[in-house]
Amino acid sequence: MTGEAALPISVAALYKFAPMPDRQIRQSELARLCEEQAVKGTLLIAAEGINGTIAGSDEGIGEVLSGIRRFAGFEDLEVKFSRAASMPFHRMKVRIKPEIVTMGQPDIDPLVNVGQYVEPEDWNALISDPGTIVIDTRNDYETQVGTFTGAIDPGLKTFREFPEWFRAERDRLMQGDTPPKVAMFCTGGIRCEKSTAFLKSEGVDEVFHLKGGILKYLETVEEDESLWEGECFVFDQRVTVGHGLSLGSYDLCHACRRPISAEAAVSEYYEEGVSCPGCYDERTDAQRAGYRERQKQEMKAAEAGVPHVGARLKK
């Protein structure tokens, strides 16, 4: 094997909207199964479904996914795989939450009313239509790394802000004798399940979202035909990816978890493990001192060849 395929750790990002009764029982079952298979990461379960990222051996990940797929309604669990050189997580957490992706609208149910899925190969035609507005539903630090040509960036700090943003901007966005079609996208598809369901609940009829999210588009659509500009932030050790899901050029600020470009890495405000231009003014000197001590302990652990609880993967 060569390249990423040769890396020993399987990383699985998964989600599924489906009724999840007996959540305490499911929580115990999944925690036990992950422990038995030496799988680590985080799984969130709620009445509306499951979401999370886990890592382990191919066999261990396969067993956990099989266990989830044995739950009624989860047979077609959505999973995206990547690989890592070493275990990217330090423990396994299975948590019960009000929502598996937090929008602060617990009455919104993607199983009842959701936008129309658009296959990656059909996405270009939809977003190139003058009668379509395109909305990026991700957070601002993600949109700054890359987005689709012509997409509207709501400037969200968190996904919770999306409903308020849309209600404030609705008249401007939907003006005209013929309301526009609304096409929305996110990294892997889960946020769009909620955001399109929200727009439908607000009375917007023609709502569409990219099936499989940006990642499926970058995997499927050839670069010379692509309308994607830049890279795509991902919530794993790769930080960003490009077309064909090739490894991107960004690193990560481990103080604020924002992506760091090559230009930001030479800023006077960048200090590895301590600060970056994006978070320097958001942290106190005391906080940076704590981060600096953590960084020192991680470097000592690395030199000694032992894992540290705050250890991070290096590209």
C-alpha atoms as a PDB file:
ATOM      1  CA  MET A   1       0.000   0.000   0.000  1.00  0.00           C
ATOM      2  CA  THR A   2       1.073   3.598  -0.630  1.00  0.00           C
ATOM      3  CA  GLY A   3      -0.056   7.030   0.552  1.00  0.00           C
ATOM      4  CA  GLU A   4      -3.016   7.350   2.876  1.00  0.00           C
ATOM      5  CA  ALA A   5      -4.089   3.742   2.269  1.00  0.00           C
ATOM      6  CA  ALA A   6      -0.942   2.579   4.073  1.00  0.00           C
ATOM      7  CA  LEU A   7      -1.834   4.433   7.288  1.00  0.00           C
ATOM      8  CA  PRO A   8      -2.886   1.969   9.997  1.00  0.00           C
ATOM      9  CA  ILE A   9      -5.780   3.782  11.702  1.00  0.00           C
ATOM     10  CA  SER A  10      -9.269   3.921  10.198  1.00  0.00           C
ATOM     11  CA  VAL A  11     -11.244   7.100  10.981  1.00  0.00           C
ATOM     12  CA  ALA A  12     -15.012   7.014  10.447  1.00  0.00           C
ATOM     13  CA  ALA A  13     -17.204  10.138  10.460  1.00  0.00           C
ATOM     14  CA  LEU A  14     -20.847   9.097  10.669  1.00  0.00           C
ATOM     15  CA  TYR A  15     -24.358  10.393  11.110  1.00  0.00           C
ATOM     16  CA  LYS A  16     -27.934   9.303  10.657  1.00  0.00           C
ATOM     17  CA  PHE A  17     -31.261  10.937  11.399  1.00  0.00           C
ATOM     18  CA  ALA A  18     -33.593   8.216  12.671  1.00  0.00           C
ATOM     19  CA  PRO A  19     -35.676   7.764  15.843  1.00  0.00           C
ATOM     20  CA  MET A  20     -33.447   6.691  18.729  1.00  0.00           C
ATOM     21  CA  PRO A  21     -35.559   5.305  21.591  1.00  0.00           C
ATOM     22  CA  ASP A  22     -34.000   3.783  24.729  1.00  0.00           C
ATOM     23  CA  ARG A  23     -31.038   6.147  24.489  1.00  0.00           C
ATOM     24  CA  GLN A  24     -29.564   5.167  27.844  1.00  0.00           C
ATOM     25  CA  ILE A  25     -29.496   1.532  26.720  1.00  0.00           C
ATOM     26  CA  ARG A  26     -27.927   2.458  23.369  1.00  0.00           C
ATOM     27  CA  GLN A  27     -25.363   4.614  25.141  1.00  0.00           C
ATOM     28  CA  SER A  28     -24.262   1.681  27.317  1.00  0.00           C
ATOM     29  CA  GLU A  29     -24.215  -0.739  24.379  1.00  0.00           C
ATOM     30  CA  LEU A  30     -22.084   1.551  22.228  1.00  0.00           C
ATOM     31  CA  ALA A  31     -19.682   2.422  25.044  1.00  0.00           C
ATOM     32  CA  ARG A  32     -19.139  -1.274  25.771  1.00  0.00           C
ATOM     33  CA  LEU A  33     -18.721  -2.187  22.093  1.00  0.00           C
ATOM     34  CA  CYS A  34     -16.200   0.607  21.494  1.00  0.00           C
ATOM     35  CA  GLU A  35     -14.218  -0.431  24.574  1.00  0.00           C
ATOM     36  CA  GLU A  36     -14.151  -4.062  23.436  1.00  0.00           C
ATOM     37  CA  GLN A  37     -12.876  -2.996  20.000  1.00  0.00           C
ATOM     38  CA  ALA A  38     -10.352  -0.412  21.311  1.00  0.00           C
ATOM     39  CA  VAL A  39     -12.192   2.265  19.325  1.00  0.00           C
ATOM     40  CA  LYS A  40     -11.906   5.885  20.490  1.00  0.00           C
ATOM     41  CA  GLY A  41     -13.594   9.152  19.587  1.00  0.00           C
ATOM     42  CA  THR A  42     -16.990  10.719  20.240  1.00  0.00           C
ATOM     43  CA  LEU A  43     -20.531   9.576  19.483  1.00  0.00           C
ATOM     44  CA  LEU A  44     -23.527  11.817  20.146  1.00  0.00           C
ATOM     45  CA  ILE A  45     -26.958  10.249  20.393  1.00  0.00           C
ATOM     46  CA  ALA A  46     -30.297  12.043  20.615  1.00  0.00           C
ATOM     47  CA  ALA A  47     -33.946  11.331  19.966  1.00  0.00           C
ATOM     48  CA  GLU A  48     -33.305  12.390  16.351  1.00  0.00           C
ATOM     49  CA  GLY A  49     -30.351  10.058  15.638  1.00  0.00           C
ATOM     50  CA  ILE A  50     -26.578   9.654  15.928  1.00  0.00           C
ATOM     51  CA  ASN A  51     -23.510  11.679  14.936  1.00  0.00           C
ATOM     52  CA  GLY A  52     -19.798  11.386  15.619  1.00  0.00           C
ATOM     53  CA  THR A  53     -16.261  10.457  14.624  1.00  0.00           C
ATOM     54  CA  ILE A  54     -14.460   7.324  15.797  1.00  0.00           C
ATOM     55  CA  ALA A  55     -11.072   5.767  15.087  1.00  0.00           C
ATOM     56  CA  GLY A  56      -9.466   2.360  15.469  1.00  0.00           C
ATOM     57  CA  SER A  57      -8.399  -0.697  13.535  1.00  0.00           C
ATOM     58  CA  ASP A  58     -10.271  -1.621  10.370  1.00  0.00           C
ATOM     59  CA  GLU A  59     -11.757  -4.604  12.181  1.00  0.00           C
ATOM     60  CA  GLY A  60     -12.727  -2.601  15.259  1.00  0.00           C
ATOM     61  CA  ILE A  61     -14.385   0.180  13.247  1.00  0.00           C
ATOM     62  CA  GLY A  62     -16.210  -2.438  11.193  1.00  0.00           C
ATOM     63  CA  GLU A  63     -17.601  -4.080  14.333  1.00  0.00           C
ATOM     64  CA  VAL A  64     -18.823  -0.785  15.795  1.00  0.00           C
ATOM     65  CA  LEU A  65     -20.474   0.278  12.534  1.00  0.00           C
ATOM     66  CA  SER A  66     -22.139  -3.125  12.263  1.00  0.00           C
ATOM     67  CA  GLY A  67     -23.431  -2.694  15.798  1.00  0.00           C
ATOM     68  CA  ILE A  68     -24.963   0.693  14.996  1.00  0.00           C
ATOM     69  CA  ARG A  69     -26.491  -0.647  11.777  1.00  0.00           C
ATOM     70  CA  ARG A  70     -28.276  -3.312  13.792  1.00  0.00           C
ATOM     71  CA  PHE A  71     -30.351  -0.562  15.430  1.00  0.00           C
ATOM     72  CA  ALA A  72     -33.765  -0.254  13.764  1.00  0.00           C
ATOM     73  CA  GLY A  73     -33.696   2.583  11.222  1.00  0.00           C
ATOM     74  CA  PHE A  74     -29.896   2.808  11.093  1.00  0.00           C
ATOM     75  CA  GLU A  75     -29.251   0.150   8.469  1.00  0.00           C
ATOM     76  CA  ASP A  76     -28.109   2.751   5.889  1.00  0.00           C
ATOM     77  CA  LEU A  77     -25.899   4.729   8.278  1.00  0.00           C
ATOM     78  CA  GLU A  78     -23.949   7.462   6.442  1.00  0.00           C
ATOM     79  CA  VAL A  79     -20.171   6.996   6.893  1.00  0.00           C
ATOM     80  CA  LYS A  80     -17.126   8.791   5.469  1.00  0.00           C
ATOM     81  CA  PHE A  81     -13.711   7.210   5.955  1.00  0.00           C
ATOM     82  CA  SER A  82     -10.204   8.601   6.211  1.00  0.00           C
ATOM     83  CA  ARG A  83      -6.959   7.229   7.644  1.00  0.00           C
ATOM     84  CA  ALA A  84      -4.449   8.362  10.254  1.00  0.00           C
ATOM     85  CA  ALA A  85      -0.861   7.501  11.107  1.00  0.00           C
ATOM     86  CA  SER A  86      -1.704   7.178  14.819  1.00  0.00           C
ATOM     87  CA  MET A  87      -4.758   7.249  17.059  1.00  0.00           C
ATOM     88  CA  PRO A  88      -6.166  10.816  16.870  1.00  0.00           C
ATOM     89  CA  PHE A  89      -8.298  10.487  20.029  1.00  0.00           C
ATOM     90  CA  HIS A  90      -7.370   9.793  23.638  1.00  0.00           C
ATOM     91  CA  ARG A  91     -10.644   8.353  24.935  1.00  0.00           C
ATOM     92  CA  MET A  92     -14.101   7.190  23.907  1.00  0.00           C
ATOM     93  CA  LYS A  93     -17.136   9.318  24.757  1.00  0.00           C
ATOM     94  CA  VAL A  94     -20.735   8.334  24.073  1.00  0.00           C
ATOM     95  CA  ARG A  95     -22.989  11.215  25.058  1.00  0.00           C
ATOM     96  CA  ILE A  96     -26.739  11.791  25.081  1.00  0.00           C
ATOM     97  CA  LYS A  97     -27.650  15.225  23.693  1.00  0.00           C
ATOM     98  CA  PRO A  98     -30.869  17.137  22.844  1.00  0.00           C
ATOM     99  CA  GLU A  99     -29.698  17.351  19.188  1.00  0.00           C
ATOM    100  CA  ILE A 100     -26.986  15.537  17.221  1.00  0.00           C
ATOM    101  CA  VAL A 101     -26.130  18.808  15.473  1.00  0.00           C
ATOM    102  CA  THR A 102     -27.046  21.845  17.531  1.00  0.00           C
ATOM    103  CA  MET A 103     -29.216  24.441  15.822  1.00  0.00           C
ATOM    104  CA  GLY A 104     -31.321  25.288  18.880  1.00  0.00           C
ATOM    105  CA  GLN A 105     -34.525  24.252  17.082  1.00  0.00           C
ATOM    106  CA  PRO A 106     -35.466  20.923  18.714  1.00  0.00           C
ATOM    107  CA  ASP A 107     -38.876  20.837  17.003  1.00  0.00           C
ATOM    108  CA  ILE A 108     -37.296  20.715  13.537  1.00  0.00           C
ATOM    109  CA  ASP A 109     -37.428  17.123  12.257  1.00  0.00           C
ATOM    110  CA  PRO A 110     -35.547  16.244   9.040  1.00  0.00           C
ATOM    111  CA  LEU A 111     -37.439  12.948   8.987  1.00  0.00           C
ATOM    112  CA  VAL A 112     -40.720  14.811   8.501  1.00  0.00           C
ATOM    113  CA  ASN A 113     -39.833  17.626   6.119  1.00  0.00           C
ATOM    114  CA  VAL A 114     -36.472  18.224   4.453  1.00  0.00           C
ATOM    115  CA  GLY A 115     -35.045  19.760   1.287  1.00  0.00           C
ATOM    116  CA  GLN A 116     -34.444  17.886  -1.953  1.00  0.00           C
ATOM    117  CA  TYR A 117     -31.133  16.058  -2.241  1.00  0.00           C
ATOM    118  CA  VAL A 118     -28.960  16.965  -5.227  1.00  0.00           C
ATOM    119  CA  GLU A 119     -26.294  14.547  -6.436  1.00  0.00           C
ATOM    120  CA  PRO A 120     -22.774  16.030  -6.737  1.00  0.00           C
ATOM    121  CA  GLU A 121     -22.772  15.609 -10.518  1.00  0.00           C
ATOM    122  CA  ASP A 122     -25.974  17.726 -10.740  1.00  0.00           C
ATOM    123  CA  TRP A 123     -24.893  20.426  -8.296  1.00  0.00           C
ATOM    124  CA  ASN A 124     -23.111  22.691 -10.798  1.00  0.00           C
ATOM    125  CA  ALA A 125     -26.212  23.076 -12.924  1.00  0.00           C
ATOM    126  CA  LEU A 126     -28.344  24.001  -9.913  1.00  0.00           C
ATOM    127  CA  ILE A 127     -26.021  26.633  -8.455  1.00  0.00           C
ATOM    128  CA  SER A 128     -25.276  28.118 -11.887  1.00  0.00           C
ATOM    129  CA  ASP A 129     -29.002  28.782 -12.435  1.00  0.00           C
ATOM    130  CA  PRO A 130     -29.650  32.561 -12.096  1.00  0.00           C
ATOM    131  CA  GLY A 131     -32.871  31.666 -10.283  1.00  0.00           C
ATOM    132  CA  THR A 132     -30.949  29.971  -7.435  1.00  0.00           C
ATOM    133  CA  ILE A 133     -29.340  31.483  -4.360  1.00  0.00           C
ATOM    134  CA  VAL A 134     -26.578  29.415  -2.747  1.00  0.00           C
ATOM    135  CA  ILE A 135     -26.012  29.495   1.017  1.00  0.00           C
ATOM    136  CA  ASP A 136     -22.990  28.129   2.865  1.00  0.00           C
ATOM    137  CA  THR A 137     -24.278  26.861   6.233  1.00  0.00           C
ATOM    138  CA  ARG A 138     -20.834  26.376   7.840  1.00  0.00           C
ATOM    139  CA  ASN A 139     -19.082  28.536  10.420  1.00  0.00           C
ATOM    140  CA  ASP A 140     -17.026  31.557   9.376  1.00  0.00           C
ATOM    141  CA  TYR A 141     -13.616  29.952   9.979  1.00  0.00           C
ATOM    142  CA  GLU A 142     -14.639  27.169   7.569  1.00  0.00           C
ATOM    143  CA  THR A 143     -15.945  29.429   4.814  1.00  0.00           C
ATOM    144  CA  GLN A 144     -12.700  31.451   4.884  1.00  0.00           C
ATOM    145  CA  VAL A 145     -10.770  28.370   3.753  1.00  0.00           C
ATOM    146  CA  GLY A 146     -12.958  27.714   0.714  1.00  0.00           C
ATOM    147  CA  THR A 147     -16.499  27.770  -0.654  1.00  0.00           C
ATOM    148  CA  PHE A 148     -18.518  27.465  -3.865  1.00  0.00           C
ATOM    149  CA  THR A 149     -18.399  30.213  -6.462  1.00  0.00           C
ATOM    150  CA  GLY A 150     -21.075  32.813  -5.717  1.00  0.00           C
ATOM    151  CA  ALA A 151     -22.160  31.326  -2.390  1.00  0.00           C
ATOM    152  CA  ILE A 152     -23.594  33.553   0.347  1.00  0.00           C
ATOM    153  CA  ASP A 153     -21.600  33.435   3.582  1.00  0.00           C
ATOM    154  CA  PRO A 154     -23.838  34.158   6.605  1.00  0.00           C
ATOM    155  CA  GLY A 155     -20.754  34.737   8.781  1.00  0.00           C
ATOM    156  CA  LEU A 156     -21.884  32.284  11.442  1.00  0.00           C
ATOM    157  CA  LYS A 157     -19.898  31.847  14.634  1.00  0.00           C
ATOM    158  CA  THR A 158     -21.997  28.765  15.438  1.00  0.00           C
ATOM    159  CA  PHE A 159     -24.757  26.862  13.646  1.00  0.00           C
ATOM    160  CA  ARG A 160     -27.190  28.114  16.302  1.00  0.00           C
ATOM    161  CA  GLU A 161     -27.072  31.529  14.613  1.00  0.00           C
ATOM    162  CA  PHE A 162     -28.455  30.254  11.307  1.00  0.00           C
ATOM    163  CA  PRO A 163     -32.213  30.529  12.084  1.00  0.00           C
ATOM    164  CA  GLU A 164     -31.874  34.110  13.348  1.00  0.00           C
ATOM    165  CA  TRP A 165     -29.707  35.047  10.355  1.00  0.00           C
ATOM    166  CA  PHE A 166     -32.191  33.633   7.852  1.00  0.00           C
ATOM    167  CA  ARG A 167     -35.190  35.308   9.471  1.00  0.00           C
ATOM    168  CA  ALA A 168     -33.367  38.648   9.441  1.00  0.00           C
ATOM    169  CA  GLU A 169     -32.285  38.275   5.805  1.00  0.00           C
ATOM    170  CA  ARG A 170     -35.319  36.491   4.393  1.00  0.00           C
ATOM    171  CA  ASP A 171     -37.013  39.486   2.754  1.00  0.00           C
ATOM    172  CA  ARG A 172     -33.799  40.508   1.007  1.00  0.00           C
ATOM    173  CA  LEU A 173     -32.939  36.972  -0.094  1.00  0.00           C
ATOM    174  CA  MET A 174     -36.405  35.934  -1.262  1.00  0.00           C
ATOM    175  CA  GLN A 175     -37.508  39.155  -2.969  1.00  0.00           C
ATOM    176  CA  GLY A 176     -38.954  39.188  -6.478  1.00  0.00           C
ATOM    177  CA  ASP A 177     -42.122  38.099  -8.221  1.00  0.00           C
ATOM    178  CA  THR A 178     -40.779  34.544  -8.391  1.00  0.00           C
ATOM    179  CA  PRO A 179     -38.988  33.488  -5.204  1.00  0.00           C
ATOM    180  CA  PRO A 180     -35.585  31.963  -5.929  1.00  0.00           C
ATOM    181  CA  LYS A 181     -34.662  28.361  -5.334  1.00  0.00           C
ATOM    182  CA  VAL A 182     -32.413  27.939  -2.289  1.00  0.00           C
ATOM    183  CA  ALA A 183     -29.417  25.605  -2.505  1.00  0.00           C
ATOM    184  CA  MET A 184     -27.483  24.924   0.704  1.00  0.00           C
ATOM    185  CA  PHE A 185     -24.352  22.951   1.470  1.00  0.00           C
ATOM    186  CA  CYS A 186     -22.089  21.948   4.350  1.00  0.00           C
ATOM    187  CA  THR A 187     -19.078  19.693   4.910  1.00  0.00           C
ATOM    188  CA  GLY A 188     -20.665  16.261   5.059  1.00  0.00           C
ATOM    189  CA  GLY A 189     -24.396  16.896   4.773  1.00  0.00           C
ATOM    190  CA  ILE A 190     -25.630  16.797   8.365  1.00  0.00           C
ATOM    191  CA  ARG A 191     -26.070  20.526   8.951  1.00  0.00           C
ATOM    192  CA  CYS A 192     -28.015  20.823   5.711  1.00  0.00           C
ATOM    193  CA  GLU A 193     -30.473  18.198   6.905  1.00  0.00           C
ATOM    194  CA  LYS A 194     -31.364  20.616   9.695  1.00  0.00           C
ATOM    195  CA  SER A 195     -31.083  23.879   7.753  1.00  0.00           C
ATOM    196  CA  THR A 196     -33.261  22.721   4.851  1.00  0.00           C
ATOM    197  CA  ALA A 197     -35.825  21.315   7.284  1.00  0.00           C
ATOM    198  CA  PHE A 198     -35.818  24.707   9.013  1.00  0.00           C
ATOM    199  CA  LEU A 199     -36.426  26.596   5.752  1.00  0.00           C
ATOM    200  CA  LYS A 200     -39.258  24.224   4.868  1.00  0.00           C
ATOM    201  CA  SER A 201     -40.818  24.911   8.276  1.00  0.00           C
ATOM    202  CA  GLU A 202     -40.539  28.643   7.468  1.00  0.00           C
ATOM    203  CA  GLY A 203     -42.619  28.128   4.329  1.00  0.00           C
ATOM    204  CA  VAL A 204     -39.837  28.098   1.714  1.00  0.00           C
ATOM    205  CA  ASP A 205     -40.871  25.557  -0.920  1.00  0.00           C
ATOM    206  CA  GLU A 206     -37.936  25.075  -3.284  1.00  0.00           C
ATOM    207  CA  VAL A 207     -35.074  24.074  -1.010  1.00  0.00           C
ATOM    208  CA  PHE A 208     -32.171  21.868  -2.107  1.00  0.00           C
ATOM    209  CA  HIS A 209     -29.002  20.527  -0.510  1.00  0.00           C
ATOM    210  CA  LEU A 210     -25.855  18.827  -1.722  1.00  0.00           C
ATOM    211  CA  LYS A 211     -26.039  15.105  -1.040  1.00  0.00           C
ATOM    212  CA  GLY A 212     -22.950  13.935   0.835  1.00  0.00           C
ATOM    213  CA  GLY A 213     -21.810  17.517   1.293  1.00  0.00           C
ATOM    214  CA  ILE A 214     -18.662  19.194   0.033  1.00  0.00           C
ATOM    215  CA  LEU A 215     -16.583  16.092   0.692  1.00  0.00           C
ATOM    216  CA  LYS A 216     -18.638  13.971  -1.689  1.00  0.00           C
ATOM    217  CA  TYR A 217     -18.490  16.727  -4.297  1.00  0.00           C
ATOM    218  CA  LEU A 218     -14.691  16.999  -4.063  1.00  0.00           C
ATOM    219  CA  GLU A 219     -14.426  13.222  -4.272  1.00  0.00           C
ATOM    220  CA  THR A 220     -16.786  12.935  -7.252  1.00  0.00           C
ATOM    221  CA  VAL A 221     -16.399  16.015  -9.478  1.00  0.00           C
ATOM    222  CA  GLU A 222     -13.232  16.481 -11.537  1.00  0.00           C
ATOM    223  CA  GLU A 223     -11.208  19.575 -10.655  1.00  0.00           C
ATOM    224  CA  ASP A 224     -11.429  21.048 -14.160  1.00  0.00           C
ATOM    225  CA  GLU A 225     -15.247  20.908 -13.923  1.00  0.00           C
ATOM    226  CA  SER A 226     -15.472  22.053 -10.305  1.00  0.00           C
ATOM    227  CA  LEU A 227     -17.068  25.252  -9.013  1.00  0.00           C
ATOM    228  CA  TRP A 228     -15.349  24.860  -5.645  1.00  0.00           C
ATOM    229  CA  GLU A 229     -12.740  27.493  -4.751  1.00  0.00           C
ATOM    230  CA  GLY A 230     -10.053  26.861  -2.137  1.00  0.00           C
ATOM    231  CA  GLU A 231      -9.904  23.961   0.313  1.00  0.00           C
ATOM    232  CA  CYS A 232     -12.411  22.344   2.668  1.00  0.00           C
ATOM    233  CA  PHE A 233     -11.961  22.345   6.434  1.00  0.00           C
ATOM    234  CA  VAL A 234     -12.510  18.920   8.005  1.00  0.00           C
ATOM    235  CA  PHE A 235     -12.859  17.988  11.663  1.00  0.00           C
ATOM    236  CA  ASP A 236     -10.067  15.451  11.805  1.00  0.00           C
ATOM    237  CA  GLN A 237      -6.269  15.244  11.656  1.00  0.00           C
ATOM    238  CA  ARG A 238      -6.156  16.287   7.982  1.00  0.00           C
ATOM    239  CA  VAL A 239      -7.377  19.851   8.800  1.00  0.00           C
ATOM    240  CA  THR A 240      -8.228  20.626   5.155  1.00  0.00           C
ATOM    241  CA  VAL A 241      -8.645  18.673   1.920  1.00  0.00           C
ATOM    242  CA  GLY A 242      -8.780  19.578  -1.743  1.00  0.00           C
ATOM    243  CA  HIS A 243     -10.108  17.962  -4.909  1.00  0.00           C
ATOM    244  CA  GLY A 244      -9.960  14.198  -4.826  1.00  0.00           C
ATOM    245  CA  LEU A 245      -9.794  14.579  -1.017  1.00  0.00           C
ATOM    246  CA  SER A 246      -6.063  15.243  -1.306  1.00  0.00           C
ATOM    247  CA  LEU A 247      -4.398  16.589   1.835  1.00  0.00           C
ATOM    248  CA  GLY A 248      -4.709  20.363   2.054  1.00  0.00           C
ATOM    249  CA  SER A 249      -2.173  23.038   2.942  1.00  0.00           C
ATOM    250  CA  TYR A 250      -3.510  24.254   6.298  1.00  0.00           C
ATOM    251  CA  ASP A 251      -2.407  23.429   9.825  1.00  0.00           C
ATOM    252  CA  LEU A 252      -4.481  23.910  12.982  1.00  0.00           C
ATOM    253  CA  CYS A 253      -4.223  26.383  15.826  1.00  0.00           C
ATOM    254  CA  HIS A 254      -4.518  24.158  18.883  1.00  0.00           C
ATOM    255  CA  ALA A 255      -5.583  27.064  21.055  1.00  0.00           C
ATOM    256  CA  CYS A 256      -8.748  27.960  19.112  1.00  0.00           C
ATOM    257  CA  ARG A 257      -9.084  25.016  16.664  1.00  0.00           C
ATOM    258  CA  ARG A 258      -9.121  27.314  13.624  1.00  0.00           C
ATOM    259  CA  PRO A 259      -7.236  26.487  10.406  1.00  0.00           C
ATOM    260  CA  ILE A 260      -3.867  28.194   9.954  1.00  0.00           C
ATOM    261  CA  SER A 261      -2.570  29.183   6.524  1.00  0.00           C
ATOM    262  CA  ALA A 262       1.113  29.411   5.649  1.00  0.00           C
ATOM    263  CA  GLU A 263       0.792  33.201   5.821  1.00  0.00           C
ATOM    264  CA  ALA A 264      -0.765  33.103   9.300  1.00  0.00           C
ATOM    265  CA  ALA A 265       1.998  30.796  10.520  1.00  0.00           C
ATOM    266  CA  VAL A 266       4.606  33.548  10.006  1.00  0.00           C
ATOM    267  CA  SER A 267       2.537  36.205  11.790  1.00  0.00           C
ATOM    268  CA  GLU A 268       3.910  37.774  14.966  1.00  0.00           C
ATOM    269  CA  TYR A 269       0.716  36.545  16.662  1.00  0.00           C
ATOM    270  CA  TYR A 270       1.317  32.890  15.831  1.00  0.00           C
ATOM    271  CA  GLU A 271       2.969  30.674  18.410  1.00  0.00           C
ATOM    272  CA  GLU A 272       2.645  26.925  17.986  1.00  0.00           C
ATOM    273  CA  GLY A 273       0.118  25.499  20.424  1.00  0.00           C
ATOM    274  CA  VAL A 274      -0.442  28.944  21.983  1.00  0.00           C
ATOM    275  CA  SER A 275      -2.027  31.488  19.628  1.00  0.00           C
ATOM    276  CA  CYS A 276      -2.743  32.570  16.057  1.00  0.00           C
ATOM    277  CA  PRO A 277      -3.833  35.839  14.406  1.00  0.00           C
ATOM    278  CA  GLY A 278      -7.459  34.741  14.711  1.00  0.00           C
ATOM    279  CA  CYS A 279      -7.483  34.119  18.455  1.00  0.00           C
ATOM    280  CA  TYR A 280      -4.683  36.275  19.877  1.00  0.00           C
ATOM    281  CA  ASP A 281      -7.067  39.077  20.919  1.00  0.00           C
ATOM    282  CA  GLU A 282      -9.603  36.573  22.230  1.00  0.00           C
ATOM    283  CA  ARG A 283      -7.297  35.082  24.868  1.00  0.00           C
ATOM    284  CA  THR A 284      -5.672  36.525  27.977  1.00  0.00           C
ATOM    285  CA  ASP A 285      -1.993  36.402  28.847  1.00  0.00           C
ATOM    286  CA  ALA A 286      -2.877  33.893  31.577  1.00  0.00           C
ATOM    287  CA  GLN A 287      -4.589  31.610  29.070  1.00  0.00           C
ATOM    288  CA  ARG A 288      -1.639  31.794  26.702  1.00  0.00           C
ATOM    289  CA  ALA A 289       0.684  30.956  29.576  1.00  0.00           C
ATOM    290  CA  GLY A 290      -1.381  27.831  30.219  1.00  0.00           C
ATOM    291  CA  TYR A 291      -1.263  26.855  26.559  1.00  0.00           C
ATOM    292  CA  ARG A 292       2.497  27.464  26.548  1.00  0.00           C
ATOM    293  CA  GLU A 293       2.973  25.109  29.497  1.00  0.00           C
ATOM    294  CA  ARG A 294       0.833  22.478  27.777  1.00  0.00           C
ATOM    295  CA  GLN A 295       2.945  22.817  24.645  1.00  0.00           C
ATOM    296  CA  LYS A 296       6.111  22.396  26.699  1.00  0.00           C
ATOM    297  CA  GLN A 297       4.778  19.206  28.306  1.00  0.00           C
ATOM    298  CA  GLU A 298       3.761  17.804  24.925  1.00  0.00           C
ATOM    299  CA  MET A 299       7.229  18.413  23.520  1.00  0.00           C
ATOM    300  CA  LYS A 300       8.818  16.698  26.528  1.00  0.00           C
ATOM    301  CA  ALA A 301       6.503  13.717  26.078  1.00  0.00           C
ATOM    302  CA  ALA A 302       7.329  13.532  22.369  1.00  0.00           C
ATOM    303  CA  GLU A 303      11.064  13.600  23.088  1.00  0.00           C
ATOM    304  CA  ALA A 304      10.600  10.783  25.616  1.00  0.00           C
ATOM    305  CA  GLY A 305       8.545   8.782  23.105  1.00  0.00           C
ATOM    306  CA  VAL A 306       5.475   8.586  25.327  1.00  0.00           C
ATOM    307  CA  PRO A 307       1.909   9.799  24.586  1.00  0.00           C
ATOM    308  CA  HIS A 308       0.635  12.960  26.230  1.00  0.00           C
ATOM    309  CA  VAL A 309      -3.026  13.641  26.947  1.00  0.00           C
ATOM    310  CA  GLY A 310      -2.844  16.801  24.837  1.00  0.00           C
ATOM    311  CA  ALA A 311      -0.785  15.260  22.061  1.00  0.00           C
ATOM    312  CA  ARG A 312      -1.631  16.107  18.478  1.00  0.00           C
ATOM    313  CA  LEU A 313      -0.941  14.562  15.138  1.00  0.00           C
ATOM    314  CA  LYS A 314       1.745  16.234  13.061  1.00  0.00           C
ATOM    315  CA  LYS A 315       1.388  16.510   9.305  1.00  0.00           C
END
